[in-house]
C-alpha atoms as a PDB file:
ATOM      1  CA  UNK A   1     -61.073  31.847 160.958  1.00  0.00           C
ATOM      2  CA  UNK A   2     -64.718  32.493 159.639  1.00  0.00           C
ATOM      3  CA  UNK A   3     -66.201  29.341 156.854  1.00  0.00           C
ATOM      4  CA  UNK A   4     -65.685  31.866 154.025  1.00  0.00           C
ATOM      5  CA  UNK A   5     -62.103  33.247 155.108  1.00  0.00           C
ATOM      6  CA  UNK A   6     -60.807  29.789 154.983  1.00  0.00           C
ATOM      7  CA  UNK A   7     -62.333  28.663 152.161  1.00  0.00           C
ATOM      8  CA  UNK A   8     -60.964  31.985 150.455  1.00  0.00           C
ATOM      9  CA  UNK A   9     -57.516  31.008 151.691  1.00  0.00           C
ATOM     10  CA  UNK A  10     -57.068  27.284 151.622  1.00  0.00           C
ATOM     11  CA  UNK A  11     -59.496  26.090 149.003  1.00  0.00           C
ATOM     12  CA  UNK A  12     -61.097  25.448 146.759  1.00  0.00           C
ATOM     13  CA  UNK A  13     -58.970  22.087 146.793  1.00  0.00           C
ATOM     14  CA  UNK A  14     -57.228  19.964 149.779  1.00  0.00           C
ATOM     15  CA  UNK A  15     -55.209  17.245 149.464  1.00  0.00           C
ATOM     16  CA  UNK A  16     -55.247  15.002 152.496  1.00  0.00           C
ATOM     17  CA  UNK A  17     -52.415  12.606 152.269  1.00  0.00           C
ATOM     18  CA  UNK A  18     -54.088   8.912 154.410  1.00  0.00           C
ATOM     19  CA  UNK A  19     -57.173   9.817 153.656  1.00  0.00           C
ATOM     20  CA  UNK A  20     -59.083   6.701 153.713  1.00  0.00           C
ATOM     21  CA  UNK A  21     -59.972   6.027 157.949  1.00  0.00           C
ATOM     22  CA  UNK A  22     -59.543   7.578 161.410  1.00  0.00           C
ATOM     23  CA  UNK A  23     -57.933  10.896 161.394  1.00  0.00           C
ATOM     24  CA  UNK A  24     -57.349  11.023 157.609  1.00  0.00           C
ATOM     25  CA  UNK A  25     -61.128  10.401 157.297  1.00  0.00           C
ATOM     26  CA  UNK A  26     -62.330  12.970 159.747  1.00  0.00           C
ATOM     27  CA  UNK A  27     -59.337  15.473 158.279  1.00  0.00           C
ATOM     28  CA  UNK A  28     -61.311  14.755 154.809  1.00  0.00           C
ATOM     29  CA  UNK A  29     -65.095  15.231 156.205  1.00  0.00           C
ATOM     30  CA  UNK A  30     -64.113  18.568 158.099  1.00  0.00           C
ATOM     31  CA  UNK A  31     -62.248  20.037 155.197  1.00  0.00           C
ATOM     32  CA  UNK A  32     -65.512  19.453 153.178  1.00  0.00           C
ATOM     33  CA  UNK A  33     -67.620  20.791 156.003  1.00  0.00           C
ATOM     34  CA  UNK A  34     -65.374  24.165 155.582  1.00  0.00           C
ATOM     35  CA  UNK A  35     -66.295  24.146 151.873  1.00  0.00           C
ATOM     36  CA  UNK A  36     -63.311  22.770 150.345  1.00  0.00           C
ATOM     37  CA  UNK A  37     -63.217  20.361 147.406  1.00  0.00           C
ATOM     38  CA  UNK A  38     -61.217  16.810 148.246  1.00  0.00           C
ATOM     39  CA  UNK A  39     -58.530  15.024 147.204  1.00  0.00           C
ATOM     40  CA  UNK A  40     -58.057  11.542 149.148  1.00  0.00           C
ATOM     41  CA  UNK A  41     -54.685   9.628 149.094  1.00  0.00           C
ATOM     42  CA  UNK A  42     -53.899   6.582 150.872  1.00  0.00           C
ATOM     43  CA  UNK A  43     -52.952   3.175 149.799  1.00  0.00           C
ATOM     44  CA  UNK A  44     -56.233   0.957 150.767  1.00  0.00           C
ATOM     45  CA  UNK A  45     -58.691   1.058 147.069  1.00  0.00           C
ATOM     46  CA  UNK A  46     -61.501   0.182 148.480  1.00  0.00           C
ATOM     47  CA  UNK A  47     -61.859   2.244 151.924  1.00  0.00           C
ATOM     48  CA  UNK A  48     -60.593   5.300 150.214  1.00  0.00           C
ATOM     49  CA  UNK A  49     -63.255   4.932 147.630  1.00  0.00           C
ATOM     50  CA  UNK A  50     -65.629   4.531 150.366  1.00  0.00           C
ATOM     51  CA  UNK A  51     -64.337   7.624 152.142  1.00  0.00           C
ATOM     52  CA  UNK A  52     -64.505   9.554 149.064  1.00  0.00           C
ATOM     53  CA  UNK A  53     -68.096   8.938 148.577  1.00  0.00           C
ATOM     54  CA  UNK A  54     -69.161   9.519 152.069  1.00  0.00           C
ATOM     55  CA  UNK A  55     -67.434  13.041 151.670  1.00  0.00           C
ATOM     56  CA  UNK A  56     -69.213  13.260 148.576  1.00  0.00           C
ATOM     57  CA  UNK A  57     -72.447  12.475 149.862  1.00  0.00           C
ATOM     58  CA  UNK A  58     -72.281  14.507 152.634  1.00  0.00           C
ATOM     59  CA  UNK A  59     -71.031  17.940 152.114  1.00  0.00           C
ATOM     60  CA  UNK A  60     -71.895  18.166 148.382  1.00  0.00           C
ATOM     61  CA  UNK A  61     -68.458  18.414 147.640  1.00  0.00           C
ATOM     62  CA  UNK A  62     -65.977  17.501 144.690  1.00  0.00           C
ATOM     63  CA  UNK A  63     -63.710  14.554 145.325  1.00  0.00           C
ATOM     64  CA  UNK A  64     -60.953  12.684 144.166  1.00  0.00           C
ATOM     65  CA  UNK A  65     -58.951   9.516 145.161  1.00  0.00           C
ATOM     66  CA  UNK A  66     -55.823   8.445 144.694  1.00  0.00           C
ATOM     67  CA  UNK A  67     -54.797   4.857 145.661  1.00  0.00           C
ATOM     68  CA  UNK A  68     -51.305   5.117 145.553  1.00  0.00           C
ATOM     69  CA  UNK A  69     -48.483   3.650 148.687  1.00  0.00           C
ATOM     70  CA  UNK A  70     -47.156   6.577 149.978  1.00  0.00           C
ATOM     71  CA  UNK A  71     -43.522   4.665 150.564  1.00  0.00           C
ATOM     72  CA  UNK A  72     -43.110   4.202 146.658  1.00  0.00           C
ATOM     73  CA  UNK A  73     -40.372   5.741 145.593  1.00  0.00           C
ATOM     74  CA  UNK A  74     -42.309   7.617 142.591  1.00  0.00           C
ATOM     75  CA  UNK A  75     -45.103   9.134 144.862  1.00  0.00           C
ATOM     76  CA  UNK A  76     -44.226  12.763 144.493  1.00  0.00           C
ATOM     77  CA  UNK A  77     -44.651  12.145 140.510  1.00  0.00           C
ATOM     78  CA  UNK A  78     -47.965  10.070 141.055  1.00  0.00           C
ATOM     79  CA  UNK A  79     -49.381  12.913 143.589  1.00  0.00           C
ATOM     80  CA  UNK A  80     -48.081  15.874 141.015  1.00  0.00           C
ATOM     81  CA  UNK A  81     -49.954  14.143 137.363  1.00  0.00           C
ATOM     82  CA  UNK A  82     -52.947  13.173 139.968  1.00  0.00           C
ATOM     83  CA  UNK A  83     -53.659  16.693 140.814  1.00  0.00           C
ATOM     84  CA  UNK A  84     -51.943  18.815 138.019  1.00  0.00           C
ATOM     85  CA  UNK A  85     -55.369  20.534 137.138  1.00  0.00           C
ATOM     86  CA  UNK A  86     -56.343  21.383 140.384  1.00  0.00           C
ATOM     87  CA  UNK A  87     -56.107  24.681 142.168  1.00  0.00           C
ATOM     88  CA  UNK A  88     -54.780  23.041 145.143  1.00  0.00           C
ATOM     89  CA  UNK A  89     -54.986  25.677 148.186  1.00  0.00           C
ATOM     90  CA  UNK A  90     -54.225  23.247 151.266  1.00  0.00           C
ATOM     91  CA  UNK A  91     -51.773  19.985 152.016  1.00  0.00           C
ATOM     92  CA  UNK A  92     -52.222  17.741 155.010  1.00  0.00           C
ATOM     93  CA  UNK A  93     -49.476  14.875 155.684  1.00  0.00           C
ATOM     94  CA  UNK A  94     -51.436  12.349 157.970  1.00  0.00           C
ATOM     95  CA  UNK A  95     -49.834   9.118 156.951  1.00  0.00           C
ATOM     96  CA  UNK A  96     -47.408   7.221 159.883  1.00  0.00           C
ATOM     97  CA  UNK A  97     -45.463   4.092 160.539  1.00  0.00           C
ATOM     98  CA  UNK A  98     -43.313   2.533 163.295  1.00  0.00           C
ATOM     99  CA  UNK A  99     -42.346  -0.434 164.591  1.00  0.00           C
ATOM    100  CA  UNK A 100     -43.418  -1.112 168.326  1.00  0.00           C
ATOM    101  CA  UNK A 101     -40.251  -3.182 169.435  1.00  0.00           C
ATOM    102  CA  UNK A 102     -36.887  -2.443 170.939  1.00  0.00           C
ATOM    103  CA  UNK A 103     -34.863  -0.651 168.358  1.00  0.00           C
ATOM    104  CA  UNK A 104     -32.111  -3.154 167.674  1.00  0.00           C
ATOM    105  CA  UNK A 105     -34.602  -6.003 168.173  1.00  0.00           C
ATOM    106  CA  UNK A 106     -36.840  -4.879 164.897  1.00  0.00           C
ATOM    107  CA  UNK A 107     -36.794  -5.445 161.356  1.00  0.00           C
ATOM    108  CA  UNK A 108     -34.742  -2.990 159.906  1.00  0.00           C
ATOM    109  CA  UNK A 109     -37.017  -3.041 156.628  1.00  0.00           C
ATOM    110  CA  UNK A 110     -39.898  -1.759 158.749  1.00  0.00           C
ATOM    111  CA  UNK A 111     -37.540   0.950 160.308  1.00  0.00           C
ATOM    112  CA  UNK A 112     -35.995   2.161 156.832  1.00  0.00           C
ATOM    113  CA  UNK A 113     -40.483   2.055 156.038  1.00  0.00           C
ATOM    114  CA  UNK A 114     -40.698   4.233 158.498  1.00  0.00           C
ATOM    115  CA  UNK A 115     -38.611   6.619 157.494  1.00  0.00           C
ATOM    116  CA  UNK A 116     -40.217   6.636 154.217  1.00  0.00           C
ATOM    117  CA  UNK A 117     -43.693   7.472 155.360  1.00  0.00           C
ATOM    118  CA  UNK A 118     -42.723  10.233 158.051  1.00  0.00           C
ATOM    119  CA  UNK A 119     -39.156  11.675 156.615  1.00  0.00           C
ATOM    120  CA  UNK A 120     -38.739  11.180 152.711  1.00  0.00           C
ATOM    121  CA  UNK A 121     -42.567  11.686 151.761  1.00  0.00           C
ATOM    122  CA  UNK A 122     -43.844  14.718 153.369  1.00  0.00           C
ATOM    123  CA  UNK A 123     -40.304  16.559 152.701  1.00  0.00           C
ATOM    124  CA  UNK A 124     -41.248  15.393 148.620  1.00  0.00           C
ATOM    125  CA  UNK A 125     -44.915  16.588 148.843  1.00  0.00           C
ATOM    126  CA  UNK A 126     -44.115  19.828 150.910  1.00  0.00           C
ATOM    127  CA  UNK A 127     -41.292  20.615 148.149  1.00  0.00           C
ATOM    128  CA  UNK A 128     -44.127  20.278 145.622  1.00  0.00           C
ATOM    129  CA  UNK A 129     -47.178  21.592 147.263  1.00  0.00           C
ATOM    130  CA  UNK A 130     -45.096  23.861 149.087  1.00  0.00           C
ATOM    131  CA  UNK A 131     -44.234  25.870 145.952  1.00  0.00           C
ATOM    132  CA  UNK A 132     -47.456  25.432 144.202  1.00  0.00           C
ATOM    133  CA  UNK A 133     -48.681  27.464 146.846  1.00  0.00           C
ATOM    134  CA  UNK A 134     -46.437  30.125 146.752  1.00  0.00           C
ATOM    135  CA  UNK A 135     -46.545  30.873 142.929  1.00  0.00           C
ATOM    136  CA  UNK A 136     -50.977  31.249 143.922  1.00  0.00           C
ATOM    137  CA  UNK A 137     -49.671  33.312 146.858  1.00  0.00           C
ATOM    138  CA  UNK A 138     -51.652  31.531 149.211  1.00  0.00           C
ATOM    139  CA  UNK A 139     -52.198  28.379 151.202  1.00  0.00           C
ATOM    140  CA  UNK A 140     -51.337  25.956 154.099  1.00  0.00           C
ATOM    141  CA  UNK A 141     -49.840  23.027 155.023  1.00  0.00           C
ATOM    142  CA  UNK A 142     -51.154  20.610 158.195  1.00  0.00           C
ATOM    143  CA  UNK A 143     -48.723  18.517 159.408  1.00  0.00           C
ATOM    144  CA  UNK A 144     -50.117  15.931 161.677  1.00  0.00           C
ATOM    145  CA  UNK A 145     -47.218  14.969 164.091  1.00  0.00           C
ATOM    146  CA  UNK A 146     -47.437  13.284 167.549  1.00  0.00           C
ATOM    147  CA  UNK A 147     -46.713  14.030 170.790  1.00  0.00           C
ATOM    148  CA  UNK A 148     -44.570  11.184 170.493  1.00  0.00           C
ATOM    149  CA  UNK A 149     -41.870  13.594 168.337  1.00  0.00           C
ATOM    150  CA  UNK A 150     -41.008  15.768 171.383  1.00  0.00           C
ATOM    151  CA  UNK A 151     -39.095  12.905 173.034  1.00  0.00           C
ATOM    152  CA  UNK A 152     -37.603   9.597 172.738  1.00  0.00           C
ATOM    153  CA  UNK A 153     -38.907   6.714 174.160  1.00  0.00           C
ATOM    154  CA  UNK A 154     -38.581   3.131 174.554  1.00  0.00           C
ATOM    155  CA  UNK A 155     -40.099   0.748 171.722  1.00  0.00           C
ATOM    156  CA  UNK A 156     -40.610   3.638 169.369  1.00  0.00           C
ATOM    157  CA  UNK A 157     -37.548   4.950 168.683  1.00  0.00           C
ATOM    158  CA  UNK A 158     -38.154   5.412 164.431  1.00  0.00           C
ATOM    159  CA  UNK A 159     -41.118   6.556 164.506  1.00  0.00           C
ATOM    160  CA  UNK A 160     -41.104   9.356 167.347  1.00  0.00           C
ATOM    161  CA  UNK A 161     -37.938  10.559 165.154  1.00  0.00           C
ATOM    162  CA  UNK A 162     -39.754  10.478 162.292  1.00  0.00           C
ATOM    163  CA  UNK A 163     -42.352  12.688 163.948  1.00  0.00           C
ATOM    164  CA  UNK A 164     -39.988  14.588 165.758  1.00  0.00           C
ATOM    165  CA  UNK A 165     -38.529  15.244 162.130  1.00  0.00           C
ATOM    166  CA  UNK A 166     -41.941  16.269 160.532  1.00  0.00           C
ATOM    167  CA  UNK A 167     -42.419  18.870 164.044  1.00  0.00           C
ATOM    168  CA  UNK A 168     -39.155  20.784 162.352  1.00  0.00           C
ATOM    169  CA  UNK A 169     -39.775  20.577 159.187  1.00  0.00           C
ATOM    170  CA  UNK A 170     -42.962  22.117 159.547  1.00  0.00           C
ATOM    171  CA  UNK A 171     -42.040  24.861 162.223  1.00  0.00           C
ATOM    172  CA  UNK A 172     -38.961  25.588 159.562  1.00  0.00           C
ATOM    173  CA  UNK A 173     -41.330  25.887 156.010  1.00  0.00           C
ATOM    174  CA  UNK A 174     -43.436  28.277 159.287  1.00  0.00           C
ATOM    175  CA  UNK A 175     -40.601  30.503 159.530  1.00  0.00           C
ATOM    176  CA  UNK A 176     -39.704  30.612 155.541  1.00  0.00           C
ATOM    177  CA  UNK A 177     -43.229  30.509 153.823  1.00  0.00           C
ATOM    178  CA  UNK A 178     -45.075  33.013 156.158  1.00  0.00           C
ATOM    179  CA  UNK A 179     -44.469  36.335 154.322  1.00  0.00           C
ATOM    180  CA  UNK A 180     -44.912  34.637 151.128  1.00  0.00           C
ATOM    181  CA  UNK A 181     -48.845  33.990 151.893  1.00  0.00           C
ATOM    182  CA  UNK A 182     -48.292  30.206 153.161  1.00  0.00           C
ATOM    183  CA  UNK A 183     -49.552  28.827 156.696  1.00  0.00           C
ATOM    184  CA  UNK A 184     -47.777  25.608 158.225  1.00  0.00           C
ATOM    185  CA  UNK A 185     -48.618  24.142 161.309  1.00  0.00           C
ATOM    186  CA  UNK A 186     -47.140  20.891 162.916  1.00  0.00           C
ATOM    187  CA  UNK A 187     -49.997  19.330 164.933  1.00  0.00           C
ATOM    188  CA  UNK A 188     -49.282  17.072 168.217  1.00  0.00           C
ATOM    189  CA  UNK A 189     -51.707  14.464 168.086  1.00  0.00           C
ATOM    190  CA  UNK A 190     -51.724  12.932 171.746  1.00  0.00           C
ATOM    191  CA  UNK A 191     -54.353  10.105 172.708  1.00  0.00           C
ATOM    192  CA  UNK A 192     -56.901   9.463 169.921  1.00  0.00           C
ATOM    193  CA  UNK A 193     -59.933   7.047 170.186  1.00  0.00           C
ATOM    194  CA  UNK A 194     -59.814   4.495 167.691  1.00  0.00           C
ATOM    195  CA  UNK A 195     -60.519   0.782 167.802  1.00  0.00           C
ATOM    196  CA  UNK A 196     -56.834  -0.177 168.559  1.00  0.00           C
ATOM    197  CA  UNK A 197     -56.496   2.624 171.438  1.00  0.00           C
ATOM    198  CA  UNK A 198     -59.848   1.519 172.595  1.00  0.00           C
ATOM    199  CA  UNK A 199     -58.129  -2.206 173.204  1.00  0.00           C
ATOM    200  CA  UNK A 200     -55.419  -0.400 175.038  1.00  0.00           C
ATOM    201  CA  UNK A 201     -57.160   1.535 177.075  1.00  0.00           C
ATOM    202  CA  UNK A 202     -58.846  -1.283 178.594  1.00  0.00           C
ATOM    203  CA  UNK A 203     -55.770  -2.528 180.123  1.00  0.00           C
ATOM    204  CA  UNK A 204     -54.673   0.976 181.724  1.00  0.00           C
ATOM    205  CA  UNK A 205     -54.930   1.020 185.466  1.00  0.00           C
ATOM    206  CA  UNK A 206     -57.802   3.532 186.938  1.00  0.00           C
ATOM    207  CA  UNK A 207     -56.298   4.992 189.805  1.00  0.00           C
ATOM    208  CA  UNK A 208     -53.045   5.700 188.876  1.00  0.00           C
ATOM    209  CA  UNK A 209     -54.478   7.589 185.133  1.00  0.00           C
ATOM    210  CA  UNK A 210     -57.061   9.165 187.295  1.00  0.00           C
ATOM    211  CA  UNK A 211     -55.330  12.005 188.537  1.00  0.00           C
ATOM    212  CA  UNK A 212     -56.503  15.204 186.172  1.00  0.00           C
ATOM    213  CA  UNK A 213     -56.069  18.246 188.645  1.00  0.00           C
ATOM    214  CA  UNK A 214     -52.397  18.012 189.204  1.00  0.00           C
ATOM    215  CA  UNK A 215     -49.227  20.107 188.118  1.00  0.00           C
ATOM    216  CA  UNK A 216     -47.284  17.279 187.513  1.00  0.00           C
ATOM    217  CA  UNK A 217     -46.585  16.286 183.745  1.00  0.00           C
ATOM    218  CA  UNK A 218     -46.610  12.455 184.475  1.00  0.00           C
ATOM    219  CA  UNK A 219     -49.893  12.510 186.546  1.00  0.00           C
ATOM    220  CA  UNK A 220     -51.694  14.843 183.670  1.00  0.00           C
ATOM    221  CA  UNK A 221     -50.189  12.386 181.007  1.00  0.00           C
ATOM    222  CA  UNK A 222     -51.896   9.498 182.473  1.00  0.00           C
ATOM    223  CA  UNK A 223     -55.011  11.314 182.935  1.00  0.00           C
ATOM    224  CA  UNK A 224     -54.536  11.753 179.739  1.00  0.00           C
ATOM    225  CA  UNK A 225     -54.674   8.596 178.129  1.00  0.00           C
ATOM    226  CA  UNK A 226     -58.073   7.907 179.871  1.00  0.00           C
ATOM    227  CA  UNK A 227     -59.786  10.835 178.118  1.00  0.00           C
ATOM    228  CA  UNK A 228     -58.560  10.473 174.132  1.00  0.00           C
ATOM    229  CA  UNK A 229     -59.734  12.822 171.911  1.00  0.00           C
ATOM    230  CA  UNK A 230     -62.122  11.905 169.364  1.00  0.00           C
ATOM    231  CA  UNK A 231     -61.015  12.152 165.460  1.00  0.00           C
ATOM    232  CA  UNK A 232     -62.918  14.648 164.704  1.00  0.00           C
ATOM    233  CA  UNK A 233     -62.135  16.574 167.138  1.00  0.00           C
ATOM    234  CA  UNK A 234     -58.366  16.209 166.134  1.00  0.00           C
ATOM    235  CA  UNK A 235     -59.517  17.331 162.698  1.00  0.00           C
ATOM    236  CA  UNK A 236     -60.748  20.805 163.870  1.00  0.00           C
ATOM    237  CA  UNK A 237     -58.158  21.800 166.026  1.00  0.00           C
ATOM    238  CA  UNK A 238     -55.703  20.771 163.074  1.00  0.00           C
ATOM    239  CA  UNK A 239     -57.641  23.685 160.731  1.00  0.00           C
ATOM    240  CA  UNK A 240     -58.185  25.647 163.936  1.00  0.00           C
ATOM    241  CA  UNK A 241     -54.737  25.854 164.144  1.00  0.00           C
ATOM    242  CA  UNK A 242     -53.761  27.428 160.711  1.00  0.00           C
ATOM    243  CA  UNK A 243     -52.548  31.000 160.899  1.00  0.00           C
ATOM    244  CA  UNK A 244     -51.546  31.076 164.722  1.00  0.00           C
ATOM    245  CA  UNK A 245     -47.908  29.895 164.975  1.00  0.00           C
ATOM    246  CA  UNK A 246     -45.593  27.071 163.902  1.00  0.00           C
ATOM    247  CA  UNK A 247     -47.538  23.964 166.363  1.00  0.00           C
ATOM    248  CA  UNK A 248     -50.780  23.107 166.860  1.00  0.00           C
ATOM    249  CA  UNK A 249     -51.948  21.136 170.110  1.00  0.00           C
ATOM    250  CA  UNK A 250     -55.467  18.780 169.823  1.00  0.00           C
ATOM    251  CA  UNK A 251     -55.651  19.128 173.744  1.00  0.00           C
ATOM    252  CA  UNK A 252     -55.093  21.269 176.403  1.00  0.00           C
ATOM    253  CA  UNK A 253     -53.116  18.641 178.606  1.00  0.00           C
ATOM    254  CA  UNK A 254     -51.122  17.708 175.721  1.00  0.00           C
ATOM    255  CA  UNK A 255     -50.082  21.543 175.339  1.00  0.00           C
ATOM    256  CA  UNK A 256     -49.517  21.612 179.535  1.00  0.00           C
ATOM    257  CA  UNK A 257     -47.376  17.999 179.450  1.00  0.00           C
ATOM    258  CA  UNK A 258     -44.858  19.066 176.537  1.00  0.00           C
ATOM    259  CA  UNK A 259     -44.277  22.029 177.807  1.00  0.00           C
ATOM    260  CA  UNK A 260     -43.491  20.964 181.335  1.00  0.00           C
ATOM    261  CA  UNK A 261     -41.251  18.386 179.171  1.00  0.00           C
ATOM    262  CA  UNK A 262     -39.552  21.094 177.293  1.00  0.00           C
ATOM    263  CA  UNK A 263     -38.531  22.676 180.613  1.00  0.00           C
ATOM    264  CA  UNK A 264     -36.950  19.810 182.235  1.00  0.00           C
ATOM    265  CA  UNK A 265     -33.403  18.408 181.788  1.00  0.00           C
ATOM    266  CA  UNK A 266     -33.288  16.089 178.430  1.00  0.00           C
ATOM    267  CA  UNK A 267     -32.671  12.779 180.939  1.00  0.00           C
ATOM    268  CA  UNK A 268     -35.288  13.621 183.442  1.00  0.00           C
ATOM    269  CA  UNK A 269     -37.845  14.519 180.356  1.00  0.00           C
ATOM    270  CA  UNK A 270     -37.392  11.144 178.510  1.00  0.00           C
ATOM    271  CA  UNK A 271     -37.631   8.987 182.238  1.00  0.00           C
ATOM    272  CA  UNK A 272     -41.046  11.063 182.645  1.00  0.00           C
ATOM    273  CA  UNK A 273     -42.064   9.106 179.086  1.00  0.00           C
ATOM    274  CA  UNK A 274     -40.482   5.787 180.215  1.00  0.00           C
ATOM    275  CA  UNK A 275     -42.516   5.917 183.410  1.00  0.00           C
ATOM    276  CA  UNK A 276     -45.580   6.701 181.638  1.00  0.00           C
ATOM    277  CA  UNK A 277     -45.251   3.867 179.441  1.00  0.00           C
ATOM    278  CA  UNK A 278     -44.628   0.941 182.290  1.00  0.00           C
ATOM    279  CA  UNK A 279     -46.703   2.295 185.034  1.00  0.00           C
ATOM    280  CA  UNK A 280     -49.907   3.278 183.400  1.00  0.00           C
ATOM    281  CA  UNK A 281     -50.801  -0.064 182.737  1.00  0.00           C
ATOM    282  CA  UNK A 282     -51.744  -3.358 184.489  1.00  0.00           C
ATOM    283  CA  UNK A 283     -50.499  -5.235 181.524  1.00  0.00           C
ATOM    284  CA  UNK A 284     -46.805  -3.895 181.002  1.00  0.00           C
ATOM    285  CA  UNK A 285     -46.221  -6.523 178.347  1.00  0.00           C
ATOM    286  CA  UNK A 286     -48.641  -4.355 175.966  1.00  0.00           C
ATOM    287  CA  UNK A 287     -46.276  -1.312 176.010  1.00  0.00           C
ATOM    288  CA  UNK A 288     -42.764  -2.456 176.449  1.00  0.00           C
ATOM    289  CA  UNK A 289     -41.626  -5.916 174.837  1.00  0.00           C
END
């Protein structure tokens, strides 16, 4: 889609939830590069303001910030009030929380926080902005989900469940809103470069994770761990996915692995992901505790 067409359909304003760092910052920059004014929403005020200043300086667009906790019970009211005077044409949800532990060993409050951020708040904000977009007759919703949302997995039960919820919610919105002028896309994000991910990557076994040209989904999933996408690549693929269908992938190997696993019986598919977790790293303690 040409940038002027993108701007006409999804502008003039975008709201990016979880916008201050990493993929969220890249999503903010890419939307601004395409000519949209940006509302950046995140909890940490200092980082939020710094990212907003960079977006404004680099792209010459208007910016606005909302420093708010996405787990807050009144998040819907806060965001609605802060954006009521703006013509919002695009809503992007990028935030996520998830315990990294066996389900029954994890803190219940952290599991419930994950449900709030990954499920409750997307429902609230998609409902709010979905209505506004339908009223204006055009616009889009981008849900930044995860490859984890396609499978159950050791240590990530609540996180993966929340990402799966986002997938089905967004796919349903794609079905419901398409004939009312509103596009929706769920973005399956795989391995993505970040300081934390780069530290994890140092534990990977290069021999196991180097098999790229293979039809085995486990080999392809392992090799993908060695070749993470950049946040900028994720942002570009996310916006490019609008208007093309209910789901988008940020790397072709993710699409390959996902589609192969969908074709397997659920027990076999889940075991593929467990094998990925347990055999890809030279430090199993970094994956399963």
